[in-house]
C-alpha atoms as a PDB file:
ATOM      1  CA  UNK A   1     229.337  32.357 -62.122  1.00  0.00           C
ATOM      2  CA  UNK A   2     226.425  30.609 -60.540  1.00  0.00           C
ATOM      3  CA  UNK A   3     222.604  31.123 -61.488  1.00  0.00           C
ATOM      4  CA  UNK A   4     220.447  32.719 -58.866  1.00  0.00           C
ATOM      5  CA  UNK A   5     216.688  32.056 -59.777  1.00  0.00           C
ATOM      6  CA  UNK A   6     214.003  34.470 -58.663  1.00  0.00           C
ATOM      7  CA  UNK A   7     210.547  35.595 -59.429  1.00  0.00           C
ATOM      8  CA  UNK A   8     209.881  38.099 -62.390  1.00  0.00           C
ATOM      9  CA  UNK A   9     209.620  41.725 -61.673  1.00  0.00           C
ATOM     10  CA  UNK A  10     208.022  44.410 -63.868  1.00  0.00           C
ATOM     11  CA  UNK A  11     211.511  45.967 -64.054  1.00  0.00           C
ATOM     12  CA  UNK A  12     212.593  42.946 -66.043  1.00  0.00           C
ATOM     13  CA  UNK A  13     210.240  43.234 -68.894  1.00  0.00           C
ATOM     14  CA  UNK A  14     212.419  44.866 -71.407  1.00  0.00           C
ATOM     15  CA  UNK A  15     215.178  42.565 -70.600  1.00  0.00           C
ATOM     16  CA  UNK A  16     213.325  39.366 -70.944  1.00  0.00           C
ATOM     17  CA  UNK A  17     211.559  40.437 -74.179  1.00  0.00           C
ATOM     18  CA  UNK A  18     215.133  40.921 -75.562  1.00  0.00           C
ATOM     19  CA  UNK A  19     216.248  37.682 -74.361  1.00  0.00           C
ATOM     20  CA  UNK A  20     213.462  36.119 -76.047  1.00  0.00           C
ATOM     21  CA  UNK A  21     214.175  37.636 -79.250  1.00  0.00           C
ATOM     22  CA  UNK A  22     217.866  36.960 -79.263  1.00  0.00           C
ATOM     23  CA  UNK A  23     217.140  33.294 -78.310  1.00  0.00           C
ATOM     24  CA  UNK A  24     214.819  32.731 -81.040  1.00  0.00           C
ATOM     25  CA  UNK A  25     216.706  34.460 -83.828  1.00  0.00           C
ATOM     26  CA  UNK A  26     219.672  32.061 -82.781  1.00  0.00           C
ATOM     27  CA  UNK A  27     217.558  29.171 -83.750  1.00  0.00           C
ATOM     28  CA  UNK A  28     216.136  30.737 -86.888  1.00  0.00           C
ATOM     29  CA  UNK A  29     212.644  31.447 -85.512  1.00  0.00           C
ATOM     30  CA  UNK A  30     211.305  34.860 -86.859  1.00  0.00           C
ATOM     31  CA  UNK A  31     208.252  36.928 -86.348  1.00  0.00           C
ATOM     32  CA  UNK A  32     205.527  35.739 -88.653  1.00  0.00           C
ATOM     33  CA  UNK A  33     206.533  32.053 -88.818  1.00  0.00           C
ATOM     34  CA  UNK A  34     203.340  30.768 -87.339  1.00  0.00           C
ATOM     35  CA  UNK A  35     205.390  29.769 -84.137  1.00  0.00           C
ATOM     36  CA  UNK A  36     207.099  32.970 -83.047  1.00  0.00           C
ATOM     37  CA  UNK A  37     204.998  35.158 -80.846  1.00  0.00           C
ATOM     38  CA  UNK A  38     205.621  37.551 -77.966  1.00  0.00           C
ATOM     39  CA  UNK A  39     202.236  39.237 -77.308  1.00  0.00           C
ATOM     40  CA  UNK A  40     202.329  37.648 -73.643  1.00  0.00           C
ATOM     41  CA  UNK A  41     205.344  39.623 -72.472  1.00  0.00           C
ATOM     42  CA  UNK A  42     203.370  42.969 -71.652  1.00  0.00           C
ATOM     43  CA  UNK A  43     200.837  40.721 -69.853  1.00  0.00           C
ATOM     44  CA  UNK A  44     203.112  38.272 -67.521  1.00  0.00           C
ATOM     45  CA  UNK A  45     201.280  39.687 -64.493  1.00  0.00           C
ATOM     46  CA  UNK A  46     197.936  38.399 -65.941  1.00  0.00           C
ATOM     47  CA  UNK A  47     198.961  35.469 -67.877  1.00  0.00           C
ATOM     48  CA  UNK A  48     201.291  33.796 -65.520  1.00  0.00           C
ATOM     49  CA  UNK A  49     201.250  35.320 -62.170  1.00  0.00           C
ATOM     50  CA  UNK A  50     197.564  36.293 -61.271  1.00  0.00           C
ATOM     51  CA  UNK A  51     196.054  33.084 -62.484  1.00  0.00           C
ATOM     52  CA  UNK A  52     198.046  30.388 -60.311  1.00  0.00           C
ATOM     53  CA  UNK A  53     201.276  30.251 -62.393  1.00  0.00           C
ATOM     54  CA  UNK A  54     204.697  31.884 -62.017  1.00  0.00           C
ATOM     55  CA  UNK A  55     207.329  33.404 -64.110  1.00  0.00           C
ATOM     56  CA  UNK A  56     211.137  32.954 -63.058  1.00  0.00           C
ATOM     57  CA  UNK A  57     214.134  34.617 -64.063  1.00  0.00           C
ATOM     58  CA  UNK A  58     217.765  33.335 -63.978  1.00  0.00           C
ATOM     59  CA  UNK A  59     220.444  36.171 -62.768  1.00  0.00           C
ATOM     60  CA  UNK A  60     224.253  35.735 -62.974  1.00  0.00           C
ATOM     61  CA  UNK A  61     225.898  38.887 -61.448  1.00  0.00           C
ATOM     62  CA  UNK A  62     223.284  41.456 -61.980  1.00  0.00           C
ATOM     63  CA  UNK A  63     222.337  40.220 -65.630  1.00  0.00           C
ATOM     64  CA  UNK A  64     219.013  38.369 -66.336  1.00  0.00           C
ATOM     65  CA  UNK A  65     220.430  35.532 -68.645  1.00  0.00           C
ATOM     66  CA  UNK A  66     217.609  32.898 -68.349  1.00  0.00           C
ATOM     67  CA  UNK A  67     213.657  32.618 -67.849  1.00  0.00           C
ATOM     68  CA  UNK A  68     210.763  30.565 -67.845  1.00  0.00           C
ATOM     69  CA  UNK A  69     206.966  30.847 -67.225  1.00  0.00           C
ATOM     70  CA  UNK A  70     204.490  28.492 -65.663  1.00  0.00           C
ATOM     71  CA  UNK A  71     200.824  28.905 -67.004  1.00  0.00           C
ATOM     72  CA  UNK A  72     197.969  26.947 -65.715  1.00  0.00           C
ATOM     73  CA  UNK A  73     196.162  24.746 -68.408  1.00  0.00           C
ATOM     74  CA  UNK A  74     193.704  23.223 -65.955  1.00  0.00           C
ATOM     75  CA  UNK A  75     193.543  22.316 -62.178  1.00  0.00           C
ATOM     76  CA  UNK A  76     196.096  19.563 -62.537  1.00  0.00           C
ATOM     77  CA  UNK A  77     198.397  20.607 -65.439  1.00  0.00           C
ATOM     78  CA  UNK A  78     200.490  23.652 -66.107  1.00  0.00           C
ATOM     79  CA  UNK A  79     202.328  24.691 -69.412  1.00  0.00           C
ATOM     80  CA  UNK A  80     206.026  25.573 -69.218  1.00  0.00           C
ATOM     81  CA  UNK A  81     206.516  28.482 -71.549  1.00  0.00           C
ATOM     82  CA  UNK A  82     209.345  30.895 -72.549  1.00  0.00           C
ATOM     83  CA  UNK A  83     212.261  28.844 -71.259  1.00  0.00           C
ATOM     84  CA  UNK A  84     215.114  30.632 -72.524  1.00  0.00           C
ATOM     85  CA  UNK A  85     218.918  30.757 -71.813  1.00  0.00           C
ATOM     86  CA  UNK A  86     220.970  33.663 -73.431  1.00  0.00           C
ATOM     87  CA  UNK A  87     223.414  32.165 -76.150  1.00  0.00           C
ATOM     88  CA  UNK A  88     226.378  33.405 -74.394  1.00  0.00           C
ATOM     89  CA  UNK A  89     225.340  31.504 -71.164  1.00  0.00           C
ATOM     90  CA  UNK A  90     224.082  28.269 -72.830  1.00  0.00           C
ATOM     91  CA  UNK A  91     225.752  24.874 -72.078  1.00  0.00           C
ATOM     92  CA  UNK A  92     226.469  25.656 -68.384  1.00  0.00           C
ATOM     93  CA  UNK A  93     223.302  23.794 -66.891  1.00  0.00           C
ATOM     94  CA  UNK A  94     221.194  27.029 -66.563  1.00  0.00           C
ATOM     95  CA  UNK A  95     218.320  25.676 -68.808  1.00  0.00           C
ATOM     96  CA  UNK A  96     218.314  22.688 -66.766  1.00  0.00           C
ATOM     97  CA  UNK A  97     218.114  24.621 -63.627  1.00  0.00           C
ATOM     98  CA  UNK A  98     215.364  26.741 -64.846  1.00  0.00           C
ATOM     99  CA  UNK A  99     213.385  23.734 -65.950  1.00  0.00           C
ATOM    100  CA  UNK A 100     213.957  22.061 -62.459  1.00  0.00           C
ATOM    101  CA  UNK A 101     212.914  25.169 -60.721  1.00  0.00           C
ATOM    102  CA  UNK A 102     209.861  25.487 -62.720  1.00  0.00           C
ATOM    103  CA  UNK A 103     208.848  21.866 -62.168  1.00  0.00           C
ATOM    104  CA  UNK A 104     209.374  22.410 -58.401  1.00  0.00           C
ATOM    105  CA  UNK A 105     207.209  25.443 -58.448  1.00  0.00           C
ATOM    106  CA  UNK A 106     204.492  23.498 -60.453  1.00  0.00           C
ATOM    107  CA  UNK A 107     204.528  21.006 -57.482  1.00  0.00           C
ATOM    108  CA  UNK A 108     204.441  23.658 -54.834  1.00  0.00           C
ATOM    109  CA  UNK A 109     201.249  25.118 -56.788  1.00  0.00           C
ATOM    110  CA  UNK A 110     199.708  21.711 -56.743  1.00  0.00           C
ATOM    111  CA  UNK A 111     199.962  20.585 -60.355  1.00  0.00           C
ATOM    112  CA  UNK A 112     200.400  16.906 -61.155  1.00  0.00           C
ATOM    113  CA  UNK A 113     201.931  17.387 -64.586  1.00  0.00           C
ATOM    114  CA  UNK A 114     203.678  19.894 -66.856  1.00  0.00           C
ATOM    115  CA  UNK A 115     203.405  20.260 -70.631  1.00  0.00           C
ATOM    116  CA  UNK A 116     205.441  22.252 -73.178  1.00  0.00           C
ATOM    117  CA  UNK A 117     206.460  22.526 -76.731  1.00  0.00           C
ATOM    118  CA  UNK A 118     209.505  23.391 -78.731  1.00  0.00           C
ATOM    119  CA  UNK A 119     210.335  22.976 -82.409  1.00  0.00           C
ATOM    120  CA  UNK A 120     212.384  20.224 -83.945  1.00  0.00           C
ATOM    121  CA  UNK A 121     215.175  22.622 -84.789  1.00  0.00           C
ATOM    122  CA  UNK A 122     215.747  23.439 -81.087  1.00  0.00           C
ATOM    123  CA  UNK A 123     217.957  20.416 -80.574  1.00  0.00           C
ATOM    124  CA  UNK A 124     219.330  21.611 -77.250  1.00  0.00           C
ATOM    125  CA  UNK A 125     215.761  22.025 -75.827  1.00  0.00           C
ATOM    126  CA  UNK A 126     214.678  18.760 -77.038  1.00  0.00           C
ATOM    127  CA  UNK A 127     217.578  17.099 -75.344  1.00  0.00           C
ATOM    128  CA  UNK A 128     217.083  18.768 -72.054  1.00  0.00           C
ATOM    129  CA  UNK A 129     213.495  17.731 -71.865  1.00  0.00           C
ATOM    130  CA  UNK A 130     214.370  14.240 -72.832  1.00  0.00           C
ATOM    131  CA  UNK A 131     217.143  14.241 -69.979  1.00  0.00           C
ATOM    132  CA  UNK A 132     214.668  15.733 -67.378  1.00  0.00           C
ATOM    133  CA  UNK A 133     212.297  12.658 -68.130  1.00  0.00           C
ATOM    134  CA  UNK A 134     209.622  14.460 -70.439  1.00  0.00           C
ATOM    135  CA  UNK A 135     207.726  12.299 -72.872  1.00  0.00           C
ATOM    136  CA  UNK A 136     206.743  13.287 -76.383  1.00  0.00           C
ATOM    137  CA  UNK A 137     203.131  13.475 -76.971  1.00  0.00           C
ATOM    138  CA  UNK A 138     202.722  14.625 -80.673  1.00  0.00           C
ATOM    139  CA  UNK A 139     204.258  16.550 -83.480  1.00  0.00           C
ATOM    140  CA  UNK A 140     202.692  19.119 -85.712  1.00  0.00           C
ATOM    141  CA  UNK A 141     203.745  20.904 -88.709  1.00  0.00           C
ATOM    142  CA  UNK A 142     203.332  24.793 -88.349  1.00  0.00           C
ATOM    143  CA  UNK A 143     204.400  26.798 -91.290  1.00  0.00           C
ATOM    144  CA  UNK A 144     207.759  25.373 -92.335  1.00  0.00           C
ATOM    145  CA  UNK A 145     208.397  24.075 -88.673  1.00  0.00           C
ATOM    146  CA  UNK A 146     207.745  20.890 -86.815  1.00  0.00           C
ATOM    147  CA  UNK A 147     206.476  21.688 -83.223  1.00  0.00           C
ATOM    148  CA  UNK A 148     207.089  18.915 -80.715  1.00  0.00           C
ATOM    149  CA  UNK A 149     204.733  18.611 -77.779  1.00  0.00           C
ATOM    150  CA  UNK A 150     205.689  16.977 -74.626  1.00  0.00           C
ATOM    151  CA  UNK A 151     204.706  16.328 -70.975  1.00  0.00           C
ATOM    152  CA  UNK A 152     206.112  15.166 -67.663  1.00  0.00           C
ATOM    153  CA  UNK A 153     204.039  13.740 -64.732  1.00  0.00           C
ATOM    154  CA  UNK A 154     205.324  15.220 -61.647  1.00  0.00           C
ATOM    155  CA  UNK A 155     206.158  13.510 -58.403  1.00  0.00           C
ATOM    156  CA  UNK A 156     205.695  15.621 -55.119  1.00  0.00           C
ATOM    157  CA  UNK A 157     208.518  15.577 -52.563  1.00  0.00           C
ATOM    158  CA  UNK A 158     208.237  12.449 -50.383  1.00  0.00           C
ATOM    159  CA  UNK A 159     206.503  13.344 -47.109  1.00  0.00           C
ATOM    160  CA  UNK A 160     208.699  12.252 -44.260  1.00  0.00           C
ATOM    161  CA  UNK A 161     207.188  10.736 -41.210  1.00  0.00           C
ATOM    162  CA  UNK A 162     208.378  11.235 -37.799  1.00  0.00           C
END
């Protein structure tokens, strides 16, 4: 089944919060570890949509199986947050599709670069970012985890001359 990507709707909230929790548990992240948090979910409208960012969900059939947020850091940079694909739907290119959609949306919104972070134990995410041309900026120990920070310069689509 193919992935259809659309903008987040209020009715998606319970589904994406569950998806977030399932995906983090899958890689051993738990509430209270210093990295895991979910307090932004009830405030997606405010944190992502109302301030010049976006939040996208990936749907297959009628089921939300992927998601990702775009949160402005400053006028030129946005942070890609909450990039998740349900474990049952991983290894199908859905993570790459979501990341590419978020990068394209960032360009449309006028951003020149994107940033993000993941943990060292999220090997699939690290590999995805590397394949998509991200570069590592730094690492930091948080609790018992190593957080890896990365960024990518965005290239706007070429303007065709007539």
